[in-house]
Amino acid sequence: MKEIGVDIFGQDSRGVKESLKDHFAYVITVSDDSRERSPVWPFTHNLRHWSIPDPERVKGSSEQKPEAFRRARDEISWKVREFLAQLHGHSWSASGATG
């Protein structure tokens, strides 16, 4: 994330159990494993799934592993932009411009 200017120092994730009583407009799973293990979200009716390969599972050289994380990061970034554009009635081109 630092490569693209995003500081995530001190950020942490919450466990799913801690979030089950929260109300979310949308819940999006990003891996097939998480989709299969995903609990029922009682207060969320908008469940989405993005099938993004888990970079932790990539086997390879010291150069291949970081590249897998970059691909996952970039795909998530693209999908978030696409999702937000759909919510606001826009579409994103490959250059990232709205139309």
PDB file of N, CA and C in Angstrom:
ATOM      1  N   MET A   1       0.823  -1.185   0.000  1.00  0.00           N
ATOM      2  CA  MET A   1       0.000   0.000   0.000  1.00  0.00           C
ATOM      3  C   MET A   1       0.870   1.252   0.000  1.00  0.00           C
ATOM      4  N   LYS A   2       2.000   1.144   0.666  1.00  0.00           N
ATOM      5  CA  LYS A   2       2.912   2.284   0.708  1.00  0.00           C
ATOM      6  C   LYS A   2       3.359   2.672  -0.701  1.00  0.00           C
ATOM      7  N   GLU A   3       3.497   1.657  -1.589  1.00  0.00           N
ATOM      8  CA  GLU A   3       3.902   1.910  -2.976  1.00  0.00           C
ATOM      9  C   GLU A   3       2.967   2.878  -3.695  1.00  0.00           C
ATOM     10  N   ILE A   4       1.702   2.875  -3.307  1.00  0.00           N
ATOM     11  CA  ILE A   4       0.734   3.749  -3.974  1.00  0.00           C
ATOM     12  C   ILE A   4       0.325   4.926  -3.093  1.00  0.00           C
ATOM     13  N   GLY A   5       1.086   5.149  -2.016  1.00  0.00           N
ATOM     14  CA  GLY A   5       0.863   6.332  -1.189  1.00  0.00           C
ATOM     15  C   GLY A   5      -0.224   6.204  -0.140  1.00  0.00           C
ATOM     16  N   VAL A   6      -0.559   4.975   0.239  1.00  0.00           N
ATOM     17  CA  VAL A   6      -1.587   4.763   1.254  1.00  0.00           C
ATOM     18  C   VAL A   6      -0.918   4.244   2.522  1.00  0.00           C
ATOM     19  N   ASP A   7      -1.063   5.002   3.603  1.00  0.00           N
ATOM     20  CA  ASP A   7      -0.469   4.627   4.882  1.00  0.00           C
ATOM     21  C   ASP A   7      -1.464   3.785   5.673  1.00  0.00           C
ATOM     22  N   ILE A   8      -1.146   2.524   5.883  1.00  0.00           N
ATOM     23  CA  ILE A   8      -2.026   1.654   6.658  1.00  0.00           C
ATOM     24  C   ILE A   8      -1.405   1.290   8.008  1.00  0.00           C
ATOM     25  N   PHE A   9      -0.359   2.024   8.395  1.00  0.00           N
ATOM     26  CA  PHE A   9       0.284   1.774   9.677  1.00  0.00           C
ATOM     27  C   PHE A   9      -0.744   1.928  10.795  1.00  0.00           C
ATOM     28  N   GLY A  10      -0.783   0.966  11.688  1.00  0.00           N
ATOM     29  CA  GLY A  10      -1.695   1.012  12.826  1.00  0.00           C
ATOM     30  C   GLY A  10      -3.100   0.522  12.520  1.00  0.00           C
ATOM     31  N   GLN A  11      -3.381   0.186  11.260  1.00  0.00           N
ATOM     32  CA  GLN A  11      -4.701  -0.328  10.904  1.00  0.00           C
ATOM     33  C   GLN A  11      -4.797  -1.787  11.316  1.00  0.00           C
ATOM     34  N   ASP A  12      -5.968  -2.190  11.692  1.00  0.00           N
ATOM     35  CA  ASP A  12      -6.192  -3.565  12.115  1.00  0.00           C
ATOM     36  C   ASP A  12      -7.587  -3.974  11.656  1.00  0.00           C
ATOM     37  N   SER A  13      -7.779  -5.251  11.516  1.00  0.00           N
ATOM     38  CA  SER A  13      -9.101  -5.738  11.123  1.00  0.00           C
ATOM     39  C   SER A  13      -9.846  -6.259  12.345  1.00  0.00           C
ATOM     40  N   ARG A  14     -11.166  -6.272  12.224  1.00  0.00           N
ATOM     41  CA  ARG A  14     -12.003  -6.847  13.276  1.00  0.00           C
ATOM     42  C   ARG A  14     -12.423  -8.237  12.821  1.00  0.00           C
ATOM     43  N   GLY A  15     -12.642  -9.094  13.773  1.00  0.00           N
ATOM     44  CA  GLY A  15     -13.151 -10.413  13.452  1.00  0.00           C
ATOM     45  C   GLY A  15     -14.610 -10.339  13.038  1.00  0.00           C
ATOM     46  N   VAL A  16     -15.050 -11.317  12.282  1.00  0.00           N
ATOM     47  CA  VAL A  16     -16.433 -11.347  11.808  1.00  0.00           C
ATOM     48  C   VAL A  16     -17.407 -11.362  12.981  1.00  0.00           C
ATOM     49  N   LYS A  17     -17.105 -12.133  14.017  1.00  0.00           N
ATOM     50  CA  LYS A  17     -18.011 -12.223  15.171  1.00  0.00           C
ATOM     51  C   LYS A  17     -18.284 -10.856  15.781  1.00  0.00           C
ATOM     52  N   GLU A  18     -17.287  -9.989  15.763  1.00  0.00           N
ATOM     53  CA  GLU A  18     -17.445  -8.651  16.332  1.00  0.00           C
ATOM     54  C   GLU A  18     -18.355  -7.769  15.486  1.00  0.00           C
ATOM     55  N   SER A  19     -18.596  -8.156  14.250  1.00  0.00           N
ATOM     56  CA  SER A  19     -19.362  -7.320  13.329  1.00  0.00           C
ATOM     57  C   SER A  19     -20.775  -7.809  13.065  1.00  0.00           C
ATOM     58  N   LEU A  20     -21.132  -8.977  13.538  1.00  0.00           N
ATOM     59  CA  LEU A  20     -22.420  -9.570  13.187  1.00  0.00           C
ATOM     60  C   LEU A  20     -23.621  -8.761  13.658  1.00  0.00           C
ATOM     61  N   LYS A  21     -23.489  -8.004  14.720  1.00  0.00           N
ATOM     62  CA  LYS A  21     -24.621  -7.224  15.224  1.00  0.00           C
ATOM     63  C   LYS A  21     -24.677  -5.827  14.620  1.00  0.00           C
ATOM     64  N   ASP A  22     -23.665  -5.469  13.836  1.00  0.00           N
ATOM     65  CA  ASP A  22     -23.636  -4.164  13.188  1.00  0.00           C
ATOM     66  C   ASP A  22     -24.548  -4.161  11.966  1.00  0.00           C
ATOM     67  N   HIS A  23     -24.995  -2.994  11.609  1.00  0.00           N
ATOM     68  CA  HIS A  23     -25.825  -2.821  10.417  1.00  0.00           C
ATOM     69  C   HIS A  23     -24.943  -2.264   9.304  1.00  0.00           C
ATOM     70  N   PHE A  24     -24.923  -2.956   8.173  1.00  0.00           N
ATOM     71  CA  PHE A  24     -24.146  -2.527   7.020  1.00  0.00           C
ATOM     72  C   PHE A  24     -25.072  -2.400   5.821  1.00  0.00           C
ATOM     73  N   ALA A  25     -24.845  -1.399   5.009  1.00  0.00           N
ATOM     74  CA  ALA A  25     -25.614  -1.267   3.773  1.00  0.00           C
ATOM     75  C   ALA A  25     -25.222  -2.382   2.805  1.00  0.00           C
ATOM     76  N   TYR A  26     -23.928  -2.723   2.787  1.00  0.00           N
ATOM     77  CA  TYR A  26     -23.404  -3.769   1.919  1.00  0.00           C
ATOM     78  C   TYR A  26     -22.354  -4.569   2.667  1.00  0.00           C
ATOM     79  N   VAL A  27     -22.290  -5.862   2.370  1.00  0.00           N
ATOM     80  CA  VAL A  27     -21.185  -6.718   2.807  1.00  0.00           C
ATOM     81  C   VAL A  27     -20.627  -7.347   1.538  1.00  0.00           C
ATOM     82  N   ILE A  28     -19.307  -7.214   1.373  1.00  0.00           N
ATOM     83  CA  ILE A  28     -18.662  -7.754   0.179  1.00  0.00           C
ATOM     84  C   ILE A  28     -17.570  -8.719   0.617  1.00  0.00           C
ATOM     85  N   THR A  29     -17.675  -9.962   0.175  1.00  0.00           N
ATOM     86  CA  THR A  29     -16.608 -10.930   0.412  1.00  0.00           C
ATOM     87  C   THR A  29     -15.666 -10.866  -0.786  1.00  0.00           C
ATOM     88  N   VAL A  30     -14.383 -11.123  -0.546  1.00  0.00           N
ATOM     89  CA  VAL A  30     -13.407 -10.963  -1.625  1.00  0.00           C
ATOM     90  C   VAL A  30     -12.656 -12.239  -1.989  1.00  0.00           C
ATOM     91  N   SER A  31     -12.943 -13.312  -1.327  1.00  0.00           N
ATOM     92  CA  SER A  31     -12.305 -14.569  -1.711  1.00  0.00           C
ATOM     93  C   SER A  31     -13.339 -15.679  -1.666  1.00  0.00           C
ATOM     94  N   ASP A  32     -13.115 -16.707  -2.458  1.00  0.00           N
ATOM     95  CA  ASP A  32     -14.068 -17.815  -2.494  1.00  0.00           C
ATOM     96  C   ASP A  32     -14.169 -18.495  -1.137  1.00  0.00           C
ATOM     97  N   ASP A  33     -13.044 -18.611  -0.422  1.00  0.00           N
ATOM     98  CA  ASP A  33     -13.075 -19.214   0.907  1.00  0.00           C
ATOM     99  C   ASP A  33     -13.952 -18.406   1.854  1.00  0.00           C
ATOM    100  N   SER A  34     -13.817 -17.083   1.819  1.00  0.00           N
ATOM    101  CA  SER A  34     -14.612 -16.251   2.722  1.00  0.00           C
ATOM    102  C   SER A  34     -16.091 -16.326   2.370  1.00  0.00           C
ATOM    103  N   ARG A  35     -16.390 -16.458   1.101  1.00  0.00           N
ATOM    104  CA  ARG A  35     -17.794 -16.582   0.690  1.00  0.00           C
ATOM    105  C   ARG A  35     -18.392 -17.867   1.240  1.00  0.00           C
ATOM    106  N   GLU A  36     -17.647 -18.950   1.140  1.00  0.00           N
ATOM    107  CA  GLU A  36     -18.148 -20.238   1.614  1.00  0.00           C
ATOM    108  C   GLU A  36     -18.295 -20.271   3.130  1.00  0.00           C
ATOM    109  N   ARG A  37     -17.387 -19.590   3.838  1.00  0.00           N
ATOM    110  CA  ARG A  37     -17.423 -19.586   5.301  1.00  0.00           C
ATOM    111  C   ARG A  37     -18.224 -18.422   5.861  1.00  0.00           C
ATOM    112  N   SER A  38     -18.688 -17.537   4.985  1.00  0.00           N
ATOM    113  CA  SER A  38     -19.355 -16.322   5.427  1.00  0.00           C
ATOM    114  C   SER A  38     -20.605 -16.640   6.228  1.00  0.00           C
ATOM    115  N   PRO A  39     -20.725 -16.001   7.367  1.00  0.00           N
ATOM    116  CA  PRO A  39     -21.927 -16.222   8.173  1.00  0.00           C
ATOM    117  C   PRO A  39     -23.118 -15.491   7.559  1.00  0.00           C
ATOM    118  N   VAL A  40     -24.256 -15.709   8.136  1.00  0.00           N
ATOM    119  CA  VAL A  40     -25.443 -14.967   7.738  1.00  0.00           C
ATOM    120  C   VAL A  40     -25.318 -13.582   8.354  1.00  0.00           C
ATOM    121  N   TRP A  41     -25.519 -12.567   7.558  1.00  0.00           N
ATOM    122  CA  TRP A  41     -25.471 -11.189   8.046  1.00  0.00           C
ATOM    123  C   TRP A  41     -26.918 -10.744   8.248  1.00  0.00           C
ATOM    124  N   PRO A  42     -27.428 -10.855   9.470  1.00  0.00           N
ATOM    125  CA  PRO A  42     -28.858 -10.651   9.711  1.00  0.00           C
ATOM    126  C   PRO A  42     -29.375  -9.251   9.388  1.00  0.00           C
ATOM    127  N   PHE A  43     -28.538  -8.247   9.425  1.00  0.00           N
ATOM    128  CA  PHE A  43     -29.003  -6.883   9.200  1.00  0.00           C
ATOM    129  C   PHE A  43     -28.548  -6.328   7.850  1.00  0.00           C
ATOM    130  N   THR A  44     -28.094  -7.200   6.966  1.00  0.00           N
ATOM    131  CA  THR A  44     -27.598  -6.758   5.663  1.00  0.00           C
ATOM    132  C   THR A  44     -28.301  -7.550   4.567  1.00  0.00           C
ATOM    133  N   HIS A  45     -28.911  -6.824   3.650  1.00  0.00           N
ATOM    134  CA  HIS A  45     -29.615  -7.481   2.547  1.00  0.00           C
ATOM    135  C   HIS A  45     -28.836  -7.398   1.235  1.00  0.00           C
ATOM    136  N   ASN A  46     -27.776  -6.616   1.230  1.00  0.00           N
ATOM    137  CA  ASN A  46     -26.984  -6.432   0.023  1.00  0.00           C
ATOM    138  C   ASN A  46     -25.638  -7.131   0.171  1.00  0.00           C
ATOM    139  N   LEU A  47     -25.637  -8.415  -0.162  1.00  0.00           N
ATOM    140  CA  LEU A  47     -24.409  -9.206  -0.094  1.00  0.00           C
ATOM    141  C   LEU A  47     -23.831  -9.330  -1.494  1.00  0.00           C
ATOM    142  N   ARG A  48     -22.541  -9.075  -1.612  1.00  0.00           N
ATOM    143  CA  ARG A  48     -21.847  -9.170  -2.889  1.00  0.00           C
ATOM    144  C   ARG A  48     -20.618 -10.050  -2.711  1.00  0.00           C
ATOM    145  N   HIS A  49     -20.149 -10.592  -3.832  1.00  0.00           N
ATOM    146  CA  HIS A  49     -18.926 -11.395  -3.786  1.00  0.00           C
ATOM    147  C   HIS A  49     -18.034 -11.024  -4.956  1.00  0.00           C
ATOM    148  N   TRP A  50     -16.773 -10.776  -4.635  1.00  0.00           N
ATOM    149  CA  TRP A  50     -15.754 -10.536  -5.653  1.00  0.00           C
ATOM    150  C   TRP A  50     -14.738 -11.661  -5.516  1.00  0.00           C
ATOM    151  N   SER A  51     -14.582 -12.463  -6.537  1.00  0.00           N
ATOM    152  CA  SER A  51     -13.661 -13.599  -6.498  1.00  0.00           C
ATOM    153  C   SER A  51     -12.247 -13.117  -6.836  1.00  0.00           C
ATOM    154  N   ILE A  52     -11.479 -12.795  -5.803  1.00  0.00           N
ATOM    155  CA  ILE A  52     -10.116 -12.303  -5.974  1.00  0.00           C
ATOM    156  C   ILE A  52      -9.167 -13.343  -5.375  1.00  0.00           C
ATOM    157  N   PRO A  53      -8.226 -13.843  -6.162  1.00  0.00           N
ATOM    158  CA  PRO A  53      -7.297 -14.851  -5.636  1.00  0.00           C
ATOM    159  C   PRO A  53      -6.555 -14.343  -4.398  1.00  0.00           C
ATOM    160  N   ASP A  54      -6.438 -15.211  -3.407  1.00  0.00           N
ATOM    161  CA  ASP A  54      -5.760 -14.869  -2.160  1.00  0.00           C
ATOM    162  C   ASP A  54      -4.256 -14.841  -2.388  1.00  0.00           C
ATOM    163  N   PRO A  55      -3.626 -13.674  -2.259  1.00  0.00           N
ATOM    164  CA  PRO A  55      -2.185 -13.594  -2.512  1.00  0.00           C
ATOM    165  C   PRO A  55      -1.352 -14.363  -1.498  1.00  0.00           C
ATOM    166  N   GLU A  56      -1.904 -14.633  -0.330  1.00  0.00           N
ATOM    167  CA  GLU A  56      -1.191 -15.430   0.676  1.00  0.00           C
ATOM    168  C   GLU A  56      -0.927 -16.840   0.180  1.00  0.00           C
ATOM    169  N   ARG A  57      -1.754 -17.330  -0.714  1.00  0.00           N
ATOM    170  CA  ARG A  57      -1.645 -18.715  -1.181  1.00  0.00           C
ATOM    171  C   ARG A  57      -0.712 -18.894  -2.364  1.00  0.00           C
ATOM    172  N   VAL A  58      -0.188 -17.799  -2.876  1.00  0.00           N
ATOM    173  CA  VAL A  58       0.706 -17.885  -4.027  1.00  0.00           C
ATOM    174  C   VAL A  58       2.034 -18.490  -3.607  1.00  0.00           C
ATOM    175  N   LYS A  59       2.419 -19.503  -4.345  1.00  0.00           N
ATOM    176  CA  LYS A  59       3.731 -20.117  -4.113  1.00  0.00           C
ATOM    177  C   LYS A  59       4.634 -19.620  -5.228  1.00  0.00           C
ATOM    178  N   GLY A  60       5.815 -19.232  -4.854  1.00  0.00           N
ATOM    179  CA  GLY A  60       6.724 -18.764  -5.884  1.00  0.00           C
ATOM    180  C   GLY A  60       7.913 -18.056  -5.281  1.00  0.00           C
ATOM    181  N   SER A  61       8.619 -17.372  -6.148  1.00  0.00           N
ATOM    182  CA  SER A  61       9.849 -16.691  -5.745  1.00  0.00           C
ATOM    183  C   SER A  61       9.535 -15.449  -4.913  1.00  0.00           C
ATOM    184  N   SER A  62      10.584 -14.851  -4.386  1.00  0.00           N
ATOM    185  CA  SER A  62      10.417 -13.639  -3.581  1.00  0.00           C
ATOM    186  C   SER A  62       9.903 -12.481  -4.431  1.00  0.00           C
ATOM    187  N   GLU A  63      10.032 -12.563  -5.743  1.00  0.00           N
ATOM    188  CA  GLU A  63       9.483 -11.535  -6.624  1.00  0.00           C
ATOM    189  C   GLU A  63       8.016 -11.801  -6.944  1.00  0.00           C
ATOM    190  N   GLN A  64       7.635 -13.069  -7.022  1.00  0.00           N
ATOM    191  CA  GLN A  64       6.268 -13.424  -7.397  1.00  0.00           C
ATOM    192  C   GLN A  64       5.261 -13.136  -6.282  1.00  0.00           C
ATOM    193  N   LYS A  65       5.657 -13.342  -5.036  1.00  0.00           N
ATOM    194  CA  LYS A  65       4.719 -13.115  -3.929  1.00  0.00           C
ATOM    195  C   LYS A  65       4.287 -11.654  -3.838  1.00  0.00           C
ATOM    196  N   PRO A  66       5.211 -10.688  -3.829  1.00  0.00           N
ATOM    197  CA  PRO A  66       4.753  -9.290  -3.777  1.00  0.00           C
ATOM    198  C   PRO A  66       3.889  -8.910  -4.975  1.00  0.00           C
ATOM    199  N   GLU A  67       4.198  -9.485  -6.120  1.00  0.00           N
ATOM    200  CA  GLU A  67       3.406  -9.181  -7.312  1.00  0.00           C
ATOM    201  C   GLU A  67       1.973  -9.685  -7.158  1.00  0.00           C
ATOM    202  N   ALA A  68       1.794 -10.819  -6.500  1.00  0.00           N
ATOM    203  CA  ALA A  68       0.442 -11.338  -6.252  1.00  0.00           C
ATOM    204  C   ALA A  68      -0.339 -10.382  -5.355  1.00  0.00           C
ATOM    205  N   PHE A  69       0.323  -9.807  -4.350  1.00  0.00           N
ATOM    206  CA  PHE A  69      -0.332  -8.831  -3.482  1.00  0.00           C
ATOM    207  C   PHE A  69      -0.676  -7.564  -4.259  1.00  0.00           C
ATOM    208  N   ARG A  70       0.198  -7.152  -5.146  1.00  0.00           N
ATOM    209  CA  ARG A  70      -0.085  -5.966  -5.968  1.00  0.00           C
ATOM    210  C   ARG A  70      -1.302  -6.207  -6.860  1.00  0.00           C
ATOM    211  N   ARG A  71      -1.360  -7.383  -7.466  1.00  0.00           N
ATOM    212  CA  ARG A  71      -2.506  -7.701  -8.329  1.00  0.00           C
ATOM    213  C   ARG A  71      -3.801  -7.683  -7.533  1.00  0.00           C
ATOM    214  N   ALA A  72      -3.790  -8.295  -6.337  1.00  0.00           N
ATOM    215  CA  ALA A  72      -4.994  -8.308  -5.495  1.00  0.00           C
ATOM    216  C   ALA A  72      -5.368  -6.885  -5.082  1.00  0.00           C
ATOM    217  N   ARG A  73      -4.387  -6.097  -4.659  1.00  0.00           N
ATOM    218  CA  ARG A  73      -4.625  -4.705  -4.273  1.00  0.00           C
ATOM    219  C   ARG A  73      -5.248  -3.925  -5.421  1.00  0.00           C
ATOM    220  N   ASP A  74      -4.671  -4.065  -6.601  1.00  0.00           N
ATOM    221  CA  ASP A  74      -5.148  -3.316  -7.749  1.00  0.00           C
ATOM    222  C   ASP A  74      -6.545  -3.764  -8.184  1.00  0.00           C
ATOM    223  N   GLU A  75      -6.806  -5.062  -8.108  1.00  0.00           N
ATOM    224  CA  GLU A  75      -8.131  -5.557  -8.473  1.00  0.00           C
ATOM    225  C   GLU A  75      -9.182  -5.067  -7.480  1.00  0.00           C
ATOM    226  N   ILE A  76      -8.854  -5.081  -6.195  1.00  0.00           N
ATOM    227  CA  ILE A  76      -9.787  -4.560  -5.192  1.00  0.00           C
ATOM    228  C   ILE A  76     -10.028  -3.068  -5.441  1.00  0.00           C
ATOM    229  N   SER A  77      -8.982  -2.330  -5.720  1.00  0.00           N
ATOM    230  CA  SER A  77      -9.122  -0.903  -6.004  1.00  0.00           C
ATOM    231  C   SER A  77     -10.061  -0.673  -7.184  1.00  0.00           C
ATOM    232  N   TRP A  78      -9.858  -1.421  -8.247  1.00  0.00           N
ATOM    233  CA  TRP A  78     -10.703  -1.294  -9.431  1.00  0.00           C
ATOM    234  C   TRP A  78     -12.149  -1.623  -9.101  1.00  0.00           C
ATOM    235  N   LYS A  79     -12.368  -2.716  -8.373  1.00  0.00           N
ATOM    236  CA  LYS A  79     -13.726  -3.137  -8.060  1.00  0.00           C
ATOM    237  C   LYS A  79     -14.426  -2.139  -7.128  1.00  0.00           C
ATOM    238  N   VAL A  80     -13.689  -1.551  -6.200  1.00  0.00           N
ATOM    239  CA  VAL A  80     -14.277  -0.534  -5.324  1.00  0.00           C
ATOM    240  C   VAL A  80     -14.715   0.671  -6.157  1.00  0.00           C
ATOM    241  N   ARG A  81     -13.861   1.110  -7.064  1.00  0.00           N
ATOM    242  CA  ARG A  81     -14.214   2.247  -7.930  1.00  0.00           C
ATOM    243  C   ARG A  81     -15.447   1.925  -8.778  1.00  0.00           C
ATOM    244  N   GLU A  82     -15.461   0.723  -9.330  1.00  0.00           N
ATOM    245  CA  GLU A  82     -16.582   0.277 -10.149  1.00  0.00           C
ATOM    246  C   GLU A  82     -17.866   0.240  -9.319  1.00  0.00           C
ATOM    247  N   PHE A  83     -17.776  -0.299  -8.108  1.00  0.00           N
ATOM    248  CA  PHE A  83     -18.918  -0.397  -7.201  1.00  0.00           C
ATOM    249  C   PHE A  83     -19.449   0.991  -6.854  1.00  0.00           C
ATOM    250  N   LEU A  84     -18.567   1.907  -6.492  1.00  0.00           N
ATOM    251  CA  LEU A  84     -18.980   3.266  -6.146  1.00  0.00           C
ATOM    252  C   LEU A  84     -19.601   3.977  -7.344  1.00  0.00           C
ATOM    253  N   ALA A  85     -19.046   3.742  -8.520  1.00  0.00           N
ATOM    254  CA  ALA A  85     -19.613   4.342  -9.722  1.00  0.00           C
ATOM    255  C   ALA A  85     -21.022   3.822  -9.979  1.00  0.00           C
ATOM    256  N   GLN A  86     -21.248   2.530  -9.758  1.00  0.00           N
ATOM    257  CA  GLN A  86     -22.580   1.960  -9.942  1.00  0.00           C
ATOM    258  C   GLN A  86     -23.563   2.574  -8.952  1.00  0.00           C
ATOM    259  N   LEU A  87     -23.119   2.783  -7.729  1.00  0.00           N
ATOM    260  CA  LEU A  87     -23.989   3.387  -6.724  1.00  0.00           C
ATOM    261  C   LEU A  87     -24.392   4.802  -7.114  1.00  0.00           C
ATOM    262  N   HIS A  88     -23.486   5.490  -7.794  1.00  0.00           N
ATOM    263  CA  HIS A  88     -23.724   6.880  -8.163  1.00  0.00           C
ATOM    264  C   HIS A  88     -24.138   7.043  -9.620  1.00  0.00           C
ATOM    265  N   GLY A  89     -24.371   5.923 -10.316  1.00  0.00           N
ATOM    266  CA  GLY A  89     -24.854   5.972 -11.680  1.00  0.00           C
ATOM    267  C   GLY A  89     -23.827   6.359 -12.722  1.00  0.00           C
ATOM    268  N   HIS A  90     -22.541   6.100 -12.459  1.00  0.00           N
ATOM    269  CA  HIS A  90     -21.486   6.396 -13.412  1.00  0.00           C
ATOM    270  C   HIS A  90     -20.807   5.084 -13.807  1.00  0.00           C
ATOM    271  N   SER A  91     -19.994   5.145 -14.844  1.00  0.00           N
ATOM    272  CA  SER A  91     -19.167   3.996 -15.198  1.00  0.00           C
ATOM    273  C   SER A  91     -17.726   4.458 -15.273  1.00  0.00           C
ATOM    274  N   TRP A  92     -16.819   3.556 -15.010  1.00  0.00           N
ATOM    275  CA  TRP A  92     -15.379   3.874 -15.010  1.00  0.00           C
ATOM    276  C   TRP A  92     -14.773   3.306 -16.267  1.00  0.00           C
ATOM    277  N   SER A  93     -13.964   4.088 -16.914  1.00  0.00           N
ATOM    278  CA  SER A  93     -13.197   3.602 -18.057  1.00  0.00           C
ATOM    279  C   SER A  93     -11.880   3.037 -17.531  1.00  0.00           C
ATOM    280  N   ALA A  94     -11.114   2.455 -18.399  1.00  0.00           N
ATOM    281  CA  ALA A  94      -9.820   1.895 -17.988  1.00  0.00           C
ATOM    282  C   ALA A  94      -8.915   2.963 -17.421  1.00  0.00           C
ATOM    283  N   SER A  95      -9.092   4.215 -17.843  1.00  0.00           N
ATOM    284  CA  SER A  95      -8.237   5.294 -17.328  1.00  0.00           C
ATOM    285  C   SER A  95      -8.697   5.795 -15.973  1.00  0.00           C
ATOM    286  N   GLY A  96      -9.892   5.351 -15.523  1.00  0.00           N
ATOM    287  CA  GLY A  96     -10.393   5.778 -14.232  1.00  0.00           C
ATOM    288  C   GLY A  96     -11.305   6.989 -14.297  1.00  0.00           C
ATOM    289  N   ALA A  97     -11.556   7.512 -15.494  1.00  0.00           N
ATOM    290  CA  ALA A  97     -12.438   8.675 -15.639  1.00  0.00           C
ATOM    291  C   ALA A  97     -13.895   8.227 -15.576  1.00  0.00           C
ATOM    292  N   THR A  98     -14.730   9.079 -15.042  1.00  0.00           N
ATOM    293  CA  THR A  98     -16.149   8.753 -14.990  1.00  0.00           C
ATOM    294  C   THR A  98     -16.818   9.180 -16.267  1.00  0.00           C
ATOM    295  N   GLY A  99     -17.927   8.531 -16.581  1.00  0.00           N
ATOM    296  CA  GLY A  99     -18.632   8.873 -17.807  1.00  0.00           C
ATOM    297  C   GLY A  99     -20.117   8.806 -17.650  1.00  0.00           C
TER     298      GLY A  99
END
